[in-house]
């Protein structure tokens, strides 16, 4: 396996960009007296956006067991804690795979 300078530079650039955005956000927030309402709303939307980027591909690309597990997790998550949501989805997938459907 030979050293690829182009790939190393791409990885380095991605690392620098990631570090710059993280440290930039930290510096920006710490220098503010108060967080403006629009910025607070944007920051509150980040967890939902991240969750969507993780779940959507599994739902649309995954098999039927993944789709059913995510639907069950959604309904369980509306009623009880996150831990039970995870357990319910896991049980659905294990039953589906064990049954060989």
PDB file of N, CA and C in Angstrom:
ATOM      1  N   UNK A   1       0.865  -1.179   0.000  1.00  0.00           N
ATOM      2  CA  UNK A   1       0.000   0.000   0.000  1.00  0.00           C
ATOM      3  C   UNK A   1       0.903   1.230   0.000  1.00  0.00           C
ATOM      4  N   UNK A   2       0.679   2.095  -0.956  1.00  0.00           N
ATOM      5  CA  UNK A   2       1.540   3.270  -1.048  1.00  0.00           C
ATOM      6  C   UNK A   2       0.868   4.498  -0.457  1.00  0.00           C
ATOM      7  N   UNK A   3       1.669   5.436  -0.063  1.00  0.00           N
ATOM      8  CA  UNK A   3       1.196   6.676   0.544  1.00  0.00           C
ATOM      9  C   UNK A   3       0.578   7.557  -0.529  1.00  0.00           C
ATOM     10  N   UNK A   4      -0.633   8.020  -0.295  1.00  0.00           N
ATOM     11  CA  UNK A   4      -1.343   8.884  -1.236  1.00  0.00           C
ATOM     12  C   UNK A   4      -1.386  10.291  -0.651  1.00  0.00           C
ATOM     13  N   UNK A   5      -0.548  11.169  -1.177  1.00  0.00           N
ATOM     14  CA  UNK A   5      -0.455  12.535  -0.665  1.00  0.00           C
ATOM     15  C   UNK A   5      -1.780  13.275  -0.803  1.00  0.00           C
ATOM     16  N   UNK A   6      -2.462  13.082  -1.912  1.00  0.00           N
ATOM     17  CA  UNK A   6      -3.747  13.762  -2.125  1.00  0.00           C
ATOM     18  C   UNK A   6      -4.755  13.377  -1.044  1.00  0.00           C
ATOM     19  N   UNK A   7      -4.853  12.091  -0.739  1.00  0.00           N
ATOM     20  CA  UNK A   7      -5.801  11.638   0.281  1.00  0.00           C
ATOM     21  C   UNK A   7      -5.397  12.164   1.662  1.00  0.00           C
ATOM     22  N   UNK A   8      -4.107  12.184   1.943  1.00  0.00           N
ATOM     23  CA  UNK A   8      -3.640  12.710   3.222  1.00  0.00           C
ATOM     24  C   UNK A   8      -3.995  14.191   3.363  1.00  0.00           C
ATOM     25  N   UNK A   9      -3.876  14.958   2.274  1.00  0.00           N
ATOM     26  CA  UNK A   9      -4.223  16.379   2.308  1.00  0.00           C
ATOM     27  C   UNK A   9      -5.733  16.577   2.471  1.00  0.00           C
ATOM     28  N   UNK A  10      -6.536  15.712   1.857  1.00  0.00           N
ATOM     29  CA  UNK A  10      -7.991  15.795   2.012  1.00  0.00           C
ATOM     30  C   UNK A  10      -8.370  15.525   3.469  1.00  0.00           C
ATOM     31  N   UNK A  11      -7.765  14.499   4.064  1.00  0.00           N
ATOM     32  CA  UNK A  11      -8.046  14.171   5.463  1.00  0.00           C
ATOM     33  C   UNK A  11      -7.610  15.313   6.373  1.00  0.00           C
ATOM     34  N   UNK A  12      -6.445  15.879   6.118  1.00  0.00           N
ATOM     35  CA  UNK A  12      -5.954  17.004   6.911  1.00  0.00           C
ATOM     36  C   UNK A  12      -6.879  18.211   6.775  1.00  0.00           C
ATOM     37  N   UNK A  13      -7.326  18.504   5.551  1.00  0.00           N
ATOM     38  CA  UNK A  13      -8.236  19.639   5.343  1.00  0.00           C
ATOM     39  C   UNK A  13      -9.560  19.413   6.071  1.00  0.00           C
ATOM     40  N   UNK A  14     -10.068  18.192   6.042  1.00  0.00           N
ATOM     41  CA  UNK A  14     -11.319  17.888   6.749  1.00  0.00           C
ATOM     42  C   UNK A  14     -11.133  18.046   8.250  1.00  0.00           C
ATOM     43  N   UNK A  15     -10.000  17.613   8.765  1.00  0.00           N
ATOM     44  CA  UNK A  15      -9.725  17.751  10.195  1.00  0.00           C
ATOM     45  C   UNK A  15      -9.631  19.219  10.598  1.00  0.00           C
ATOM     46  N   UNK A  16      -8.947  20.014   9.796  1.00  0.00           N
ATOM     47  CA  UNK A  16      -8.813  21.448  10.091  1.00  0.00           C
ATOM     48  C   UNK A  16     -10.180  22.131  10.028  1.00  0.00           C
ATOM     49  N   UNK A  17     -10.985  21.799   9.015  1.00  0.00           N
ATOM     50  CA  UNK A  17     -12.315  22.404   8.891  1.00  0.00           C
ATOM     51  C   UNK A  17     -13.196  22.020  10.073  1.00  0.00           C
ATOM     52  N   UNK A  18     -13.145  20.759  10.485  1.00  0.00           N
ATOM     53  CA  UNK A  18     -13.938  20.313  11.628  1.00  0.00           C
ATOM     54  C   UNK A  18     -13.507  21.039  12.895  1.00  0.00           C
ATOM     55  N   UNK A  19     -12.194  21.119  13.126  1.00  0.00           N
ATOM     56  CA  UNK A  19     -11.682  21.809  14.306  1.00  0.00           C
ATOM     57  C   UNK A  19     -12.065  23.285  14.285  1.00  0.00           C
ATOM     58  N   UNK A  20     -11.934  23.920  13.115  1.00  0.00           N
ATOM     59  CA  UNK A  20     -12.226  25.351  13.009  1.00  0.00           C
ATOM     60  C   UNK A  20     -13.697  25.640  13.300  1.00  0.00           C
ATOM     61  N   UNK A  21     -14.597  24.812  12.794  1.00  0.00           N
ATOM     62  CA  UNK A  21     -16.014  25.064  13.045  1.00  0.00           C
ATOM     63  C   UNK A  21     -16.366  24.823  14.506  1.00  0.00           C
ATOM     64  N   UNK A  22     -15.766  23.822  15.104  1.00  0.00           N
ATOM     65  CA  UNK A  22     -16.063  23.554  16.515  1.00  0.00           C
ATOM     66  C   UNK A  22     -15.498  24.643  17.424  1.00  0.00           C
ATOM     67  N   UNK A  23     -14.257  25.008  17.233  1.00  0.00           N
ATOM     68  CA  UNK A  23     -13.650  26.025  18.092  1.00  0.00           C
ATOM     69  C   UNK A  23     -14.259  27.395  17.798  1.00  0.00           C
ATOM     70  N   UNK A  24     -14.614  27.637  16.542  1.00  0.00           N
ATOM     71  CA  UNK A  24     -15.254  28.903  16.184  1.00  0.00           C
ATOM     72  C   UNK A  24     -16.598  29.070  16.866  1.00  0.00           C
ATOM     73  N   UNK A  25     -17.381  28.010  16.882  1.00  0.00           N
ATOM     74  CA  UNK A  25     -18.673  28.061  17.566  1.00  0.00           C
ATOM     75  C   UNK A  25     -18.510  28.285  19.050  1.00  0.00           C
ATOM     76  N   UNK A  26     -17.529  27.622  19.638  1.00  0.00           N
ATOM     77  CA  UNK A  26     -17.272  27.782  21.066  1.00  0.00           C
ATOM     78  C   UNK A  26     -16.870  29.227  21.381  1.00  0.00           C
ATOM     79  N   UNK A  27     -15.975  29.762  20.594  1.00  0.00           N
ATOM     80  CA  UNK A  27     -15.514  31.140  20.827  1.00  0.00           C
ATOM     81  C   UNK A  27     -16.672  32.125  20.645  1.00  0.00           C
ATOM     82  N   UNK A  28     -17.481  31.906  19.618  1.00  0.00           N
ATOM     83  CA  UNK A  28     -18.608  32.794  19.360  1.00  0.00           C
ATOM     84  C   UNK A  28     -19.595  32.785  20.523  1.00  0.00           C
ATOM     85  N   UNK A  29     -19.950  31.612  21.003  1.00  0.00           N
ATOM     86  CA  UNK A  29     -20.936  31.501  22.089  1.00  0.00           C
ATOM     87  C   UNK A  29     -20.391  32.081  23.395  1.00  0.00           C
ATOM     88  N   UNK A  30     -19.120  31.820  23.702  1.00  0.00           N
ATOM     89  CA  UNK A  30     -18.570  32.307  24.975  1.00  0.00           C
ATOM     90  C   UNK A  30     -18.424  33.823  25.010  1.00  0.00           C
ATOM     91  N   UNK A  31     -18.329  34.472  23.876  1.00  0.00           N
ATOM     92  CA  UNK A  31     -18.170  35.923  23.845  1.00  0.00           C
ATOM     93  C   UNK A  31     -19.500  36.676  23.847  1.00  0.00           C
ATOM     94  N   UNK A  32     -20.591  35.956  23.736  1.00  0.00           N
ATOM     95  CA  UNK A  32     -21.901  36.612  23.722  1.00  0.00           C
ATOM     96  C   UNK A  32     -22.408  36.800  25.150  1.00  0.00           C
ATOM     97  N   UNK A  33     -23.045  37.919  25.393  1.00  0.00           N
ATOM     98  CA  UNK A  33     -23.658  38.174  26.700  1.00  0.00           C
ATOM     99  C   UNK A  33     -24.889  37.286  26.878  1.00  0.00           C
ATOM    100  N   UNK A  34     -25.688  37.190  25.815  1.00  0.00           N
ATOM    101  CA  UNK A  34     -26.851  36.306  25.827  1.00  0.00           C
ATOM    102  C   UNK A  34     -27.028  35.744  24.418  1.00  0.00           C
ATOM    103  N   UNK A  35     -27.662  34.601  24.351  1.00  0.00           N
ATOM    104  CA  UNK A  35     -27.877  33.959  23.057  1.00  0.00           C
ATOM    105  C   UNK A  35     -29.168  34.504  22.453  1.00  0.00           C
ATOM    106  N   UNK A  36     -29.097  35.007  21.222  1.00  0.00           N
ATOM    107  CA  UNK A  36     -30.320  35.521  20.581  1.00  0.00           C
ATOM    108  C   UNK A  36     -31.345  34.394  20.388  1.00  0.00           C
ATOM    109  N   UNK A  37     -32.623  34.738  20.413  1.00  0.00           N
ATOM    110  CA  UNK A  37     -33.665  33.712  20.301  1.00  0.00           C
ATOM    111  C   UNK A  37     -33.569  32.855  19.038  1.00  0.00           C
ATOM    112  N   UNK A  38     -33.216  33.463  17.911  1.00  0.00           N
ATOM    113  CA  UNK A  38     -33.107  32.687  16.667  1.00  0.00           C
ATOM    114  C   UNK A  38     -31.955  31.685  16.745  1.00  0.00           C
ATOM    115  N   UNK A  39     -30.842  32.085  17.346  1.00  0.00           N
ATOM    116  CA  UNK A  39     -29.722  31.171  17.496  1.00  0.00           C
ATOM    117  C   UNK A  39     -30.076  30.042  18.459  1.00  0.00           C
ATOM    118  N   UNK A  40     -30.787  30.384  19.528  1.00  0.00           N
ATOM    119  CA  UNK A  40     -31.204  29.359  20.484  1.00  0.00           C
ATOM    120  C   UNK A  40     -32.148  28.351  19.819  1.00  0.00           C
ATOM    121  N   UNK A  41     -33.050  28.856  18.972  1.00  0.00           N
ATOM    122  CA  UNK A  41     -33.960  27.956  18.252  1.00  0.00           C
ATOM    123  C   UNK A  41     -33.180  27.051  17.303  1.00  0.00           C
ATOM    124  N   UNK A  42     -32.171  27.602  16.641  1.00  0.00           N
ATOM    125  CA  UNK A  42     -31.347  26.791  15.736  1.00  0.00           C
ATOM    126  C   UNK A  42     -30.573  25.728  16.509  1.00  0.00           C
ATOM    127  N   UNK A  43     -30.025  26.100  17.655  1.00  0.00           N
ATOM    128  CA  UNK A  43     -29.283  25.130  18.469  1.00  0.00           C
ATOM    129  C   UNK A  43     -30.205  24.050  19.030  1.00  0.00           C
ATOM    130  N   UNK A  44     -31.433  24.414  19.351  1.00  0.00           N
ATOM    131  CA  UNK A  44     -32.393  23.426  19.837  1.00  0.00           C
ATOM    132  C   UNK A  44     -32.809  22.452  18.742  1.00  0.00           C
ATOM    133  N   UNK A  45     -32.691  22.847  17.471  1.00  0.00           N
ATOM    134  CA  UNK A  45     -33.075  21.980  16.351  1.00  0.00           C
ATOM    135  C   UNK A  45     -31.980  20.990  15.974  1.00  0.00           C
ATOM    136  N   UNK A  46     -30.767  21.185  16.462  1.00  0.00           N
ATOM    137  CA  UNK A  46     -29.646  20.317  16.076  1.00  0.00           C
ATOM    138  C   UNK A  46     -29.861  18.847  16.444  1.00  0.00           C
ATOM    139  N   UNK A  47     -30.289  18.500  17.658  1.00  0.00           N
ATOM    140  CA  UNK A  47     -30.468  17.072  17.965  1.00  0.00           C
ATOM    141  C   UNK A  47     -31.456  16.373  17.034  1.00  0.00           C
ATOM    142  N   UNK A  48     -32.553  17.027  16.707  1.00  0.00           N
ATOM    143  CA  UNK A  48     -33.532  16.423  15.792  1.00  0.00           C
ATOM    144  C   UNK A  48     -32.939  16.245  14.393  1.00  0.00           C
ATOM    145  N   UNK A  49     -32.141  17.209  13.957  1.00  0.00           N
ATOM    146  CA  UNK A  49     -31.523  17.107  12.641  1.00  0.00           C
ATOM    147  C   UNK A  49     -30.517  15.965  12.597  1.00  0.00           C
ATOM    148  N   UNK A  50     -29.729  15.826  13.642  1.00  0.00           N
ATOM    149  CA  UNK A  50     -28.749  14.740  13.696  1.00  0.00           C
ATOM    150  C   UNK A  50     -29.449  13.391  13.748  1.00  0.00           C
ATOM    151  N   UNK A  51     -30.485  13.287  14.559  1.00  0.00           N
ATOM    152  CA  UNK A  51     -31.236  12.034  14.645  1.00  0.00           C
ATOM    153  C   UNK A  51     -31.841  11.668  13.297  1.00  0.00           C
ATOM    154  N   UNK A  52     -32.365  12.646  12.593  1.00  0.00           N
ATOM    155  CA  UNK A  52     -32.946  12.392  11.280  1.00  0.00           C
ATOM    156  C   UNK A  52     -31.905  11.879  10.303  1.00  0.00           C
ATOM    157  N   UNK A  53     -30.702  12.454  10.325  1.00  0.00           N
ATOM    158  CA  UNK A  53     -29.662  11.992   9.400  1.00  0.00           C
ATOM    159  C   UNK A  53     -29.189  10.588   9.731  1.00  0.00           C
ATOM    160  N   UNK A  54     -29.366  10.146  10.967  1.00  0.00           N
ATOM    161  CA  UNK A  54     -28.982   8.786  11.335  1.00  0.00           C
ATOM    162  C   UNK A  54     -30.095   7.784  11.047  1.00  0.00           C
ATOM    163  N   UNK A  55     -31.337   8.190  11.241  1.00  0.00           N
ATOM    164  CA  UNK A  55     -32.462   7.265  11.134  1.00  0.00           C
ATOM    165  C   UNK A  55     -32.971   7.142   9.698  1.00  0.00           C
ATOM    166  N   UNK A  56     -33.044   8.217   8.961  1.00  0.00           N
ATOM    167  CA  UNK A  56     -33.632   8.193   7.619  1.00  0.00           C
ATOM    168  C   UNK A  56     -32.972   7.176   6.689  1.00  0.00           C
ATOM    169  N   UNK A  57     -31.644   7.125   6.601  1.00  0.00           N
ATOM    170  CA  UNK A  57     -31.047   6.112   5.715  1.00  0.00           C
ATOM    171  C   UNK A  57     -31.401   4.682   6.131  1.00  0.00           C
ATOM    172  N   UNK A  58     -31.423   4.414   7.424  1.00  0.00           N
ATOM    173  CA  UNK A  58     -31.775   3.067   7.893  1.00  0.00           C
ATOM    174  C   UNK A  58     -33.208   2.733   7.512  1.00  0.00           C
ATOM    175  N   UNK A  59     -34.094   3.709   7.568  1.00  0.00           N
ATOM    176  CA  UNK A  59     -35.494   3.457   7.232  1.00  0.00           C
ATOM    177  C   UNK A  59     -35.665   3.209   5.728  1.00  0.00           C
ATOM    178  N   UNK A  60     -35.029   4.017   4.898  1.00  0.00           N
ATOM    179  CA  UNK A  60     -35.254   3.923   3.460  1.00  0.00           C
ATOM    180  C   UNK A  60     -34.388   2.878   2.765  1.00  0.00           C
ATOM    181  N   UNK A  61     -33.233   2.559   3.332  1.00  0.00           N
ATOM    182  CA  UNK A  61     -32.342   1.589   2.705  1.00  0.00           C
ATOM    183  C   UNK A  61     -32.431   0.230   3.385  1.00  0.00           C
ATOM    184  N   UNK A  62     -32.738   0.215   4.673  1.00  0.00           N
ATOM    185  CA  UNK A  62     -32.797  -1.022   5.434  1.00  0.00           C
ATOM    186  C   UNK A  62     -33.954  -1.919   5.014  1.00  0.00           C
ATOM    187  N   UNK A  63     -33.914  -3.123   5.519  1.00  0.00           N
ATOM    188  CA  UNK A  63     -34.965  -4.081   5.217  1.00  0.00           C
ATOM    189  C   UNK A  63     -36.232  -3.802   6.007  1.00  0.00           C
ATOM    190  N   UNK A  64     -37.198  -4.706   5.869  1.00  0.00           N
ATOM    191  CA  UNK A  64     -38.474  -4.527   6.545  1.00  0.00           C
ATOM    192  C   UNK A  64     -38.332  -4.585   8.055  1.00  0.00           C
ATOM    193  N   UNK A  65     -37.352  -5.378   8.545  1.00  0.00           N
ATOM    194  CA  UNK A  65     -37.169  -5.434   9.999  1.00  0.00           C
ATOM    195  C   UNK A  65     -36.718  -4.091  10.551  1.00  0.00           C
ATOM    196  N   UNK A  66     -35.889  -3.371   9.784  1.00  0.00           N
ATOM    197  CA  UNK A  66     -35.448  -2.041  10.220  1.00  0.00           C
ATOM    198  C   UNK A  66     -36.611  -1.055  10.216  1.00  0.00           C
ATOM    199  N   UNK A  67     -37.421  -1.109   9.173  1.00  0.00           N
ATOM    200  CA  UNK A  67     -38.578  -0.211   9.093  1.00  0.00           C
ATOM    201  C   UNK A  67     -39.535  -0.464  10.262  1.00  0.00           C
ATOM    202  N   UNK A  68     -39.858  -1.744  10.506  1.00  0.00           N
ATOM    203  CA  UNK A  68     -40.769  -2.078  11.593  1.00  0.00           C
ATOM    204  C   UNK A  68     -40.176  -1.685  12.947  1.00  0.00           C
ATOM    205  N   UNK A  69     -38.871  -1.934  13.137  1.00  0.00           N
ATOM    206  CA  UNK A  69     -38.212  -1.575  14.401  1.00  0.00           C
ATOM    207  C   UNK A  69     -38.251  -0.067  14.634  1.00  0.00           C
ATOM    208  N   UNK A  70     -38.038   0.712  13.594  1.00  0.00           N
ATOM    209  CA  UNK A  70     -38.065   2.169  13.746  1.00  0.00           C
ATOM    210  C   UNK A  70     -39.476   2.678  14.038  1.00  0.00           C
ATOM    211  N   UNK A  71     -40.472   2.071  13.424  1.00  0.00           N
ATOM    212  CA  UNK A  71     -41.852   2.472  13.695  1.00  0.00           C
ATOM    213  C   UNK A  71     -42.233   2.123  15.139  1.00  0.00           C
ATOM    214  N   UNK A  72     -41.858   0.908  15.561  1.00  0.00           N
ATOM    215  CA  UNK A  72     -42.124   0.514  16.948  1.00  0.00           C
ATOM    216  C   UNK A  72     -41.384   1.451  17.909  1.00  0.00           C
ATOM    217  N   UNK A  73     -40.127   1.766  17.597  1.00  0.00           N
ATOM    218  CA  UNK A  73     -39.346   2.669  18.451  1.00  0.00           C
ATOM    219  C   UNK A  73     -40.002   4.043  18.541  1.00  0.00           C
ATOM    220  N   UNK A  74     -40.553   4.508  17.441  1.00  0.00           N
ATOM    221  CA  UNK A  74     -41.239   5.803  17.452  1.00  0.00           C
ATOM    222  C   UNK A  74     -42.407   5.791  18.428  1.00  0.00           C
ATOM    223  N   UNK A  75     -43.261   4.784  18.327  1.00  0.00           N
ATOM    224  CA  UNK A  75     -44.437   4.740  19.192  1.00  0.00           C
ATOM    225  C   UNK A  75     -44.071   4.476  20.651  1.00  0.00           C
ATOM    226  N   UNK A  76     -43.085   3.619  20.882  1.00  0.00           N
ATOM    227  CA  UNK A  76     -42.646   3.374  22.260  1.00  0.00           C
ATOM    228  C   UNK A  76     -42.002   4.639  22.830  1.00  0.00           C
ATOM    229  N   UNK A  77     -41.210   5.328  22.009  1.00  0.00           N
ATOM    230  CA  UNK A  77     -40.543   6.553  22.451  1.00  0.00           C
ATOM    231  C   UNK A  77     -41.502   7.669  22.811  1.00  0.00           C
ATOM    232  N   UNK A  78     -42.683   7.658  22.215  1.00  0.00           N
ATOM    233  CA  UNK A  78     -43.683   8.673  22.563  1.00  0.00           C
ATOM    234  C   UNK A  78     -44.288   8.427  23.937  1.00  0.00           C
ATOM    235  N   UNK A  79     -44.166   7.202  24.439  1.00  0.00           N
ATOM    236  CA  UNK A  79     -44.792   6.833  25.709  1.00  0.00           C
ATOM    237  C   UNK A  79     -43.826   6.710  26.877  1.00  0.00           C
ATOM    238  N   UNK A  80     -42.640   6.158  26.634  1.00  0.00           N
ATOM    239  CA  UNK A  80     -41.706   5.855  27.727  1.00  0.00           C
ATOM    240  C   UNK A  80     -40.317   6.376  27.411  1.00  0.00           C
ATOM    241  N   UNK A  81     -39.346   6.001  28.228  1.00  0.00           N
ATOM    242  CA  UNK A  81     -37.988   6.542  28.105  1.00  0.00           C
ATOM    243  C   UNK A  81     -37.238   5.976  26.898  1.00  0.00           C
ATOM    244  N   UNK A  82     -36.106   6.607  26.616  1.00  0.00           N
ATOM    245  CA  UNK A  82     -35.275   6.210  25.477  1.00  0.00           C
ATOM    246  C   UNK A  82     -34.755   4.783  25.598  1.00  0.00           C
ATOM    247  N   UNK A  83     -34.454   4.350  26.800  1.00  0.00           N
ATOM    248  CA  UNK A  83     -33.926   3.003  26.986  1.00  0.00           C
ATOM    249  C   UNK A  83     -34.940   1.953  26.543  1.00  0.00           C
ATOM    250  N   UNK A  84     -36.191   2.140  26.904  1.00  0.00           N
ATOM    251  CA  UNK A  84     -37.229   1.196  26.505  1.00  0.00           C
ATOM    252  C   UNK A  84     -37.469   1.245  25.004  1.00  0.00           C
ATOM    253  N   UNK A  85     -37.301   2.406  24.428  1.00  0.00           N
ATOM    254  CA  UNK A  85     -37.439   2.546  22.979  1.00  0.00           C
ATOM    255  C   UNK A  85     -36.381   1.693  22.273  1.00  0.00           C
ATOM    256  N   UNK A  86     -35.149   1.767  22.759  1.00  0.00           N
ATOM    257  CA  UNK A  86     -34.062   0.980  22.189  1.00  0.00           C
ATOM    258  C   UNK A  86     -34.320  -0.510  22.362  1.00  0.00           C
ATOM    259  N   UNK A  87     -34.756  -0.907  23.548  1.00  0.00           N
ATOM    260  CA  UNK A  87     -35.036  -2.321  23.817  1.00  0.00           C
ATOM    261  C   UNK A  87     -36.161  -2.823  22.908  1.00  0.00           C
ATOM    262  N   UNK A  88     -37.209  -2.049  22.751  1.00  0.00           N
ATOM    263  CA  UNK A  88     -38.331  -2.468  21.909  1.00  0.00           C
ATOM    264  C   UNK A  88     -37.889  -2.668  20.460  1.00  0.00           C
ATOM    265  N   UNK A  89     -37.105  -1.741  19.935  1.00  0.00           N
ATOM    266  CA  UNK A  89     -36.626  -1.868  18.556  1.00  0.00           C
ATOM    267  C   UNK A  89     -35.716  -3.081  18.414  1.00  0.00           C
ATOM    268  N   UNK A  90     -34.859  -3.298  19.382  1.00  0.00           N
ATOM    269  CA  UNK A  90     -33.955  -4.449  19.345  1.00  0.00           C
ATOM    270  C   UNK A  90     -34.744  -5.758  19.359  1.00  0.00           C
ATOM    271  N   UNK A  91     -35.773  -5.836  20.216  1.00  0.00           N
ATOM    272  CA  UNK A  91     -36.596  -7.049  20.300  1.00  0.00           C
ATOM    273  C   UNK A  91     -37.285  -7.316  18.963  1.00  0.00           C
ATOM    274  N   UNK A  92     -37.805  -6.282  18.333  1.00  0.00           N
ATOM    275  CA  UNK A  92     -38.469  -6.449  17.035  1.00  0.00           C
ATOM    276  C   UNK A  92     -37.499  -7.032  16.008  1.00  0.00           C
ATOM    277  N   UNK A  93     -36.301  -6.480  15.932  1.00  0.00           N
ATOM    278  CA  UNK A  93     -35.323  -6.969  14.960  1.00  0.00           C
ATOM    279  C   UNK A  93     -34.916  -8.403  15.278  1.00  0.00           C
ATOM    280  N   UNK A  94     -34.700  -8.719  16.547  1.00  0.00           N
ATOM    281  CA  UNK A  94     -34.287 -10.085  16.911  1.00  0.00           C
ATOM    282  C   UNK A  94     -35.392 -11.103  16.610  1.00  0.00           C
ATOM    283  N   UNK A  95     -36.630 -10.751  16.896  1.00  0.00           N
ATOM    284  CA  UNK A  95     -37.746 -11.659  16.588  1.00  0.00           C
ATOM    285  C   UNK A  95     -37.845 -11.855  15.073  1.00  0.00           C
ATOM    286  N   UNK A  96     -37.751 -10.765  14.333  1.00  0.00           N
ATOM    287  CA  UNK A  96     -37.852 -10.841  12.878  1.00  0.00           C
ATOM    288  C   UNK A  96     -36.763 -11.737  12.316  1.00  0.00           C
ATOM    289  N   UNK A  97     -35.533 -11.535  12.767  1.00  0.00           N
ATOM    290  CA  UNK A  97     -34.402 -12.322  12.247  1.00  0.00           C
ATOM    291  C   UNK A  97     -34.453 -13.766  12.708  1.00  0.00           C
ATOM    292  N   UNK A  98     -34.905 -13.989  13.927  1.00  0.00           N
ATOM    293  CA  UNK A  98     -35.003 -15.358  14.442  1.00  0.00           C
ATOM    294  C   UNK A  98     -36.090 -16.149  13.713  1.00  0.00           C
ATOM    295  N   UNK A  99     -37.170 -15.453  13.376  1.00  0.00           N
ATOM    296  CA  UNK A  99     -38.268 -16.111  12.663  1.00  0.00           C
ATOM    297  C   UNK A  99     -37.889 -16.388  11.199  1.00  0.00           C
ATOM    298  N   UNK A 100     -36.846 -15.716  10.730  1.00  0.00           N
ATOM    299  CA  UNK A 100     -36.391 -15.953   9.362  1.00  0.00           C
ATOM    300  C   UNK A 100     -37.350 -15.429   8.307  1.00  0.00           C
ATOM    301  N   UNK A 101     -38.036 -14.367   8.619  1.00  0.00           N
ATOM    302  CA  UNK A 101     -39.020 -13.809   7.677  1.00  0.00           C
ATOM    303  C   UNK A 101     -38.324 -13.151   6.525  1.00  0.00           C
TER     304      UNK A 101
END
